[in-house]
Amino acid sequence: MTGQLQVRHPFNPWALIVSTFARALRSRNLSTYLFGVVTWISRRRVYCTPALLVTQPGAYWSMAILAAFLRAINVGGTGKLAMADLKQLCEEIGFEKVTTYIQSGNVVFSTKLSKTKAQQALADALGEHLGKTAQVHVRTSDELESIVSHNPFPKATPNLVQVILLDRAPSQQAVSAVASPDGEEVVVHGRELFVHYPNGSGRSKLKLPLAKDGTARNMNTIRKMLALCQSSTTLENRG
């Protein structure tokens, strides 16, 4: 019976409720259709509260476009993960419109989960797949746009500017204590560290203990991930 409930995005949740009760009255089998609604919601991974249903019914079915950056994936022979496997893991979690970018562990997806829950869900799935704890940093499209617009080194070559994504904002005091052996520049903005490596990060001897729990991407990658998020948002709005 659940196969009768075919719903496409976007749609009015109240229309689903009204049509469900209308069918139930016609068939005099309310329990069957209520079960169908609950089953559909569970399969679509809709996470919500009763209060939100009353105040913001559309929030149940709204989709967020998020970008995830995995730490220590396919670097130095450790954390091997094919991007096809990463995409499959994301889809198994329930993420939609999954797109990966290069081999360093970057993925854009849409989900009904909050950013925090999506990050935890992906970290848990990766941990199970890899057999070890996995670190994931998630940003919204707006956050990526803020990173790009607040780049303190706009005139530098993009691949010489690294953005270190963190879960918590580092203190300015800790950043000020960093010694730059080869002219590197470090600037903090929010939860991100911007590092300009004038001679490239591969040759630098810069030590950044405060970045040990973060993951770094150069500005080219950040801009590409922002473009993918914006492209997904455009497709989502077109329905």
Protein backbone atom coordinates (compact mmCIF):
# COMPACT_ATOMS: atom_id res chain seq x y z
CA MET A 1 0.00 0.00 0.00
CA THR A 2 2.86 2.39 0.64
CA GLY A 3 3.66 2.39 -3.05
CA GLN A 4 0.56 4.54 -3.61
CA LEU A 5 2.25 7.53 -1.98
CA GLN A 6 4.38 9.01 -4.74
CA VAL A 7 5.61 12.50 -3.83
CA ARG A 8 8.02 14.79 -5.65
CA HIS A 9 9.93 17.84 -4.37
CA PRO A 10 8.92 20.53 -3.86
CA PHE A 11 5.41 19.94 -2.54
CA ASN A 12 2.96 21.12 0.10
CA PRO A 13 3.06 18.83 3.17
CA TRP A 14 -0.50 19.77 4.04
CA ALA A 15 -1.62 18.44 0.66
CA LEU A 16 -0.11 15.07 1.62
CA ILE A 17 -1.97 15.08 4.94
CA VAL A 18 -5.30 16.09 3.40
CA SER A 19 -5.05 13.56 0.57
CA THR A 20 -4.09 10.83 3.03
CA PHE A 21 -7.15 11.40 5.19
CA ALA A 22 -9.37 11.69 2.12
CA ARG A 23 -8.19 8.29 0.92
CA ALA A 24 -8.57 6.87 4.41
CA LEU A 25 -12.19 8.04 4.60
CA ARG A 26 -12.95 6.58 1.20
CA SER A 27 -11.39 3.25 2.05
CA ARG A 28 -12.34 3.29 5.74
CA ASN A 29 -8.83 2.10 6.48
CA LEU A 30 -7.15 4.95 8.34
CA SER A 31 -4.35 2.85 9.83
CA THR A 32 -3.10 1.74 6.41
CA TYR A 33 -2.67 5.27 5.09
CA LEU A 34 -1.19 6.62 8.30
CA PHE A 35 1.33 3.79 8.12
CA GLY A 36 2.04 4.81 4.54
CA VAL A 37 2.79 8.40 5.57
CA VAL A 38 5.08 7.31 8.40
CA THR A 39 6.89 4.88 6.11
CA TRP A 40 7.37 7.53 3.43
CA ILE A 41 8.75 10.01 5.97
CA SER A 42 11.18 7.45 7.38
CA ARG A 43 12.41 6.49 3.93
CA ARG A 44 12.96 10.12 3.03
CA ARG A 45 14.86 10.62 6.31
CA VAL A 46 12.81 13.58 7.49
CA TYR A 47 13.93 14.67 10.95
CA CYS A 48 11.59 17.03 12.73
CA THR A 49 9.61 17.98 15.83
CA PRO A 50 5.84 18.36 16.24
CA ALA A 51 6.26 22.08 16.98
CA LEU A 52 8.09 22.60 13.70
CA LEU A 53 5.33 20.82 11.78
CA VAL A 54 2.81 23.36 13.09
CA THR A 55 4.96 26.49 12.78
CA GLN A 56 7.03 25.65 9.69
CA PRO A 57 5.50 22.67 7.88
CA GLY A 58 7.69 23.15 4.81
CA ALA A 59 10.83 22.78 6.90
CA TYR A 60 10.34 19.03 7.01
CA TRP A 61 10.92 18.75 3.32
CA SER A 62 13.39 21.58 2.75
CA MET A 63 16.77 20.54 1.40
CA ALA A 64 20.07 22.01 2.52
CA ILE A 65 23.06 22.05 0.16
CA LEU A 66 26.23 21.23 2.09
CA ALA A 67 29.91 20.75 1.30
CA ALA A 68 31.96 18.21 3.26
CA PHE A 69 35.73 18.15 3.46
CA LEU A 70 37.36 14.95 4.71
CA ARG A 71 40.60 15.04 6.65
CA ALA A 72 43.63 12.87 5.75
CA ILE A 73 42.02 11.11 2.79
CA ASN A 74 44.32 9.77 0.04
CA VAL A 75 47.28 11.65 1.50
CA GLY A 76 50.67 10.01 1.95
CA GLY A 77 49.35 6.52 1.29
CA THR A 78 46.91 6.59 4.22
CA GLY A 79 43.13 6.86 4.42
CA LYS A 80 42.59 5.38 0.97
CA LEU A 81 39.07 6.04 -0.25
CA ALA A 82 37.89 5.98 -3.84
CA MET A 83 35.59 8.86 -4.65
CA ALA A 84 33.08 6.39 -6.08
CA ASP A 85 32.97 4.74 -2.64
CA LEU A 86 32.55 8.12 -0.97
CA LYS A 87 29.62 8.92 -3.24
CA GLN A 88 28.02 5.55 -2.48
CA LEU A 89 28.46 6.06 1.26
CA CYS A 90 26.75 9.44 1.02
CA GLU A 91 23.85 8.00 -0.91
CA GLU A 92 23.46 5.14 1.58
CA ILE A 93 23.16 7.70 4.38
CA GLY A 94 20.33 9.31 2.45
CA PHE A 95 22.15 12.29 0.95
CA GLU A 96 20.99 13.32 -2.51
CA LYS A 97 22.54 15.01 -5.57
CA VAL A 98 25.97 13.80 -4.43
CA THR A 99 28.98 15.20 -6.31
CA THR A 100 32.61 14.53 -5.41
CA TYR A 101 35.56 16.71 -6.42
CA ILE A 102 39.15 15.45 -6.91
CA GLN A 103 40.73 12.79 -4.71
CA SER A 104 41.34 14.70 -1.47
CA GLY A 105 37.87 13.96 -0.12
CA ASN A 106 35.49 16.76 -1.12
CA VAL A 107 31.80 16.16 -1.62
CA VAL A 108 28.69 18.29 -2.15
CA PHE A 109 25.23 16.93 -1.37
CA SER A 110 21.69 17.91 -0.43
CA THR A 111 20.04 16.69 2.74
CA LYS A 112 17.20 17.36 5.15
CA LEU A 113 19.54 16.88 8.08
CA SER A 114 21.02 19.81 9.94
CA LYS A 115 24.65 20.61 9.22
CA THR A 116 25.74 19.11 12.56
CA LYS A 117 23.78 15.89 12.07
CA ALA A 118 24.95 15.54 8.48
CA GLN A 119 28.57 15.92 9.59
CA GLN A 120 28.15 13.28 12.29
CA ALA A 121 26.30 10.89 9.98
CA LEU A 122 29.06 11.09 7.37
CA ALA A 123 31.83 10.75 9.99
CA ASP A 124 30.14 7.65 11.43
CA ALA A 125 29.71 6.05 8.00
CA LEU A 126 33.32 6.78 7.08
CA GLY A 127 34.57 5.44 10.41
CA GLU A 128 32.75 2.17 9.81
CA HIS A 129 33.99 1.95 6.23
CA LEU A 130 37.63 2.81 6.99
CA GLY A 131 37.82 1.04 10.33
CA LYS A 132 39.08 4.14 12.13
CA THR A 133 37.85 7.49 13.34
CA ALA A 134 37.17 9.88 10.48
CA GLN A 135 37.14 13.66 10.68
CA VAL A 136 34.75 15.63 8.53
CA HIS A 137 34.29 19.38 8.26
CA VAL A 138 31.04 20.64 6.75
CA ARG A 139 30.25 24.10 5.42
CA THR A 140 27.18 25.67 3.87
CA SER A 141 27.27 27.54 0.59
CA ASP A 142 27.02 30.85 2.47
CA GLU A 143 29.97 29.89 4.67
CA LEU A 144 32.08 29.02 1.64
CA GLU A 145 31.13 32.31 0.03
CA SER A 146 32.25 34.09 3.20
CA ILE A 147 35.58 32.25 3.10
CA VAL A 148 36.17 33.37 -0.47
CA SER A 149 35.15 36.97 0.17
CA HIS A 150 37.30 37.23 3.32
CA ASN A 151 40.44 35.83 1.74
CA PRO A 152 43.15 38.12 3.21
CA PHE A 153 45.50 37.32 0.32
CA PRO A 154 43.42 38.14 -2.76
CA LYS A 155 46.45 38.99 -4.92
CA ALA A 156 48.35 35.79 -4.08
CA THR A 157 48.34 32.80 -6.41
CA PRO A 158 45.26 30.79 -5.31
CA ASN A 159 47.09 27.46 -4.94
CA LEU A 160 49.59 29.12 -2.60
CA VAL A 161 46.81 30.12 -0.18
CA GLN A 162 45.60 27.31 2.08
CA VAL A 163 42.36 27.50 4.04
CA ILE A 164 42.39 25.29 7.14
CA LEU A 165 38.85 24.36 8.14
CA LEU A 166 38.30 23.89 11.87
CA ASP A 167 35.31 23.09 14.07
CA ARG A 168 36.21 25.83 16.53
CA ALA A 169 37.70 29.26 16.03
CA PRO A 170 41.38 29.42 17.07
CA SER A 171 42.44 32.21 19.38
CA GLN A 172 44.23 35.21 17.94
CA GLN A 173 46.87 34.74 20.63
CA ALA A 174 47.68 31.26 19.35
CA VAL A 175 47.94 32.55 15.80
CA SER A 176 50.22 35.41 16.86
CA ALA A 177 52.57 32.91 18.49
CA VAL A 178 53.20 31.08 15.18
CA ALA A 179 56.74 31.47 13.84
CA SER A 180 57.07 31.79 10.05
CA PRO A 181 60.41 30.32 8.92
CA ASP A 182 60.02 31.21 5.24
CA GLY A 183 57.84 34.28 5.10
CA GLU A 184 54.51 32.46 5.56
CA GLU A 185 51.55 34.55 6.67
CA VAL A 186 48.77 33.25 8.90
CA VAL A 187 45.43 35.02 9.39
CA VAL A 188 42.41 33.79 11.34
CA HIS A 189 38.83 34.55 10.35
CA GLY A 190 36.04 32.78 12.19
CA ARG A 191 36.71 29.03 12.19
CA GLU A 192 39.20 29.24 9.34
CA LEU A 193 42.92 29.77 9.18
CA PHE A 194 44.23 31.38 6.01
CA VAL A 195 47.87 30.57 5.30
CA HIS A 196 49.89 32.11 2.49
CA TYR A 197 52.88 29.98 1.50
CA PRO A 198 54.99 32.20 -0.81
CA ASN A 199 57.16 29.22 -1.80
CA GLY A 200 54.47 26.53 -1.68
CA SER A 201 53.21 24.44 1.23
CA GLY A 202 55.18 21.36 0.16
CA ARG A 203 58.51 23.06 0.82
CA SER A 204 57.45 24.96 3.93
CA LYS A 205 58.66 24.10 7.42
CA LEU A 206 55.87 26.06 9.06
CA LYS A 207 54.46 24.37 12.20
CA LEU A 208 50.79 24.89 12.99
CA PRO A 209 49.83 22.86 16.10
CA LEU A 210 46.49 24.67 16.33
CA ALA A 211 45.57 23.23 12.90
CA LYS A 212 46.09 19.56 13.85
CA ASP A 213 42.35 18.85 13.99
CA GLY A 214 41.55 20.72 10.80
CA THR A 215 41.80 19.97 7.12
CA ALA A 216 43.39 22.23 4.51
CA ARG A 217 42.27 23.12 1.00
CA ASN A 218 43.72 25.71 -1.34
CA MET A 219 41.61 28.58 -2.60
CA ASN A 220 41.07 26.92 -5.98
CA THR A 221 39.36 23.98 -4.27
CA ILE A 222 37.28 26.22 -2.01
CA ARG A 223 36.06 28.20 -5.01
CA LYS A 224 35.23 25.05 -6.94
CA MET A 225 33.26 23.63 -4.02
CA LEU A 226 31.36 26.91 -3.72
CA ALA A 227 30.52 26.74 -7.43
CA LEU A 228 29.25 23.16 -7.01
CA CYS A 229 27.06 24.23 -4.07
CA GLN A 230 25.64 27.13 -6.03
CA SER A 231 24.99 24.91 -9.02
CA SER A 232 23.17 22.38 -6.82
CA THR A 233 21.12 25.15 -5.24
CA THR A 234 20.04 26.38 -8.68
CA LEU A 235 18.95 22.87 -9.68
CA GLU A 236 17.13 22.42 -6.37
CA ASN A 237 15.21 25.66 -6.82
CA ARG A 238 14.13 24.60 -10.30
CA GLY A 239 12.66 21.47 -8.76
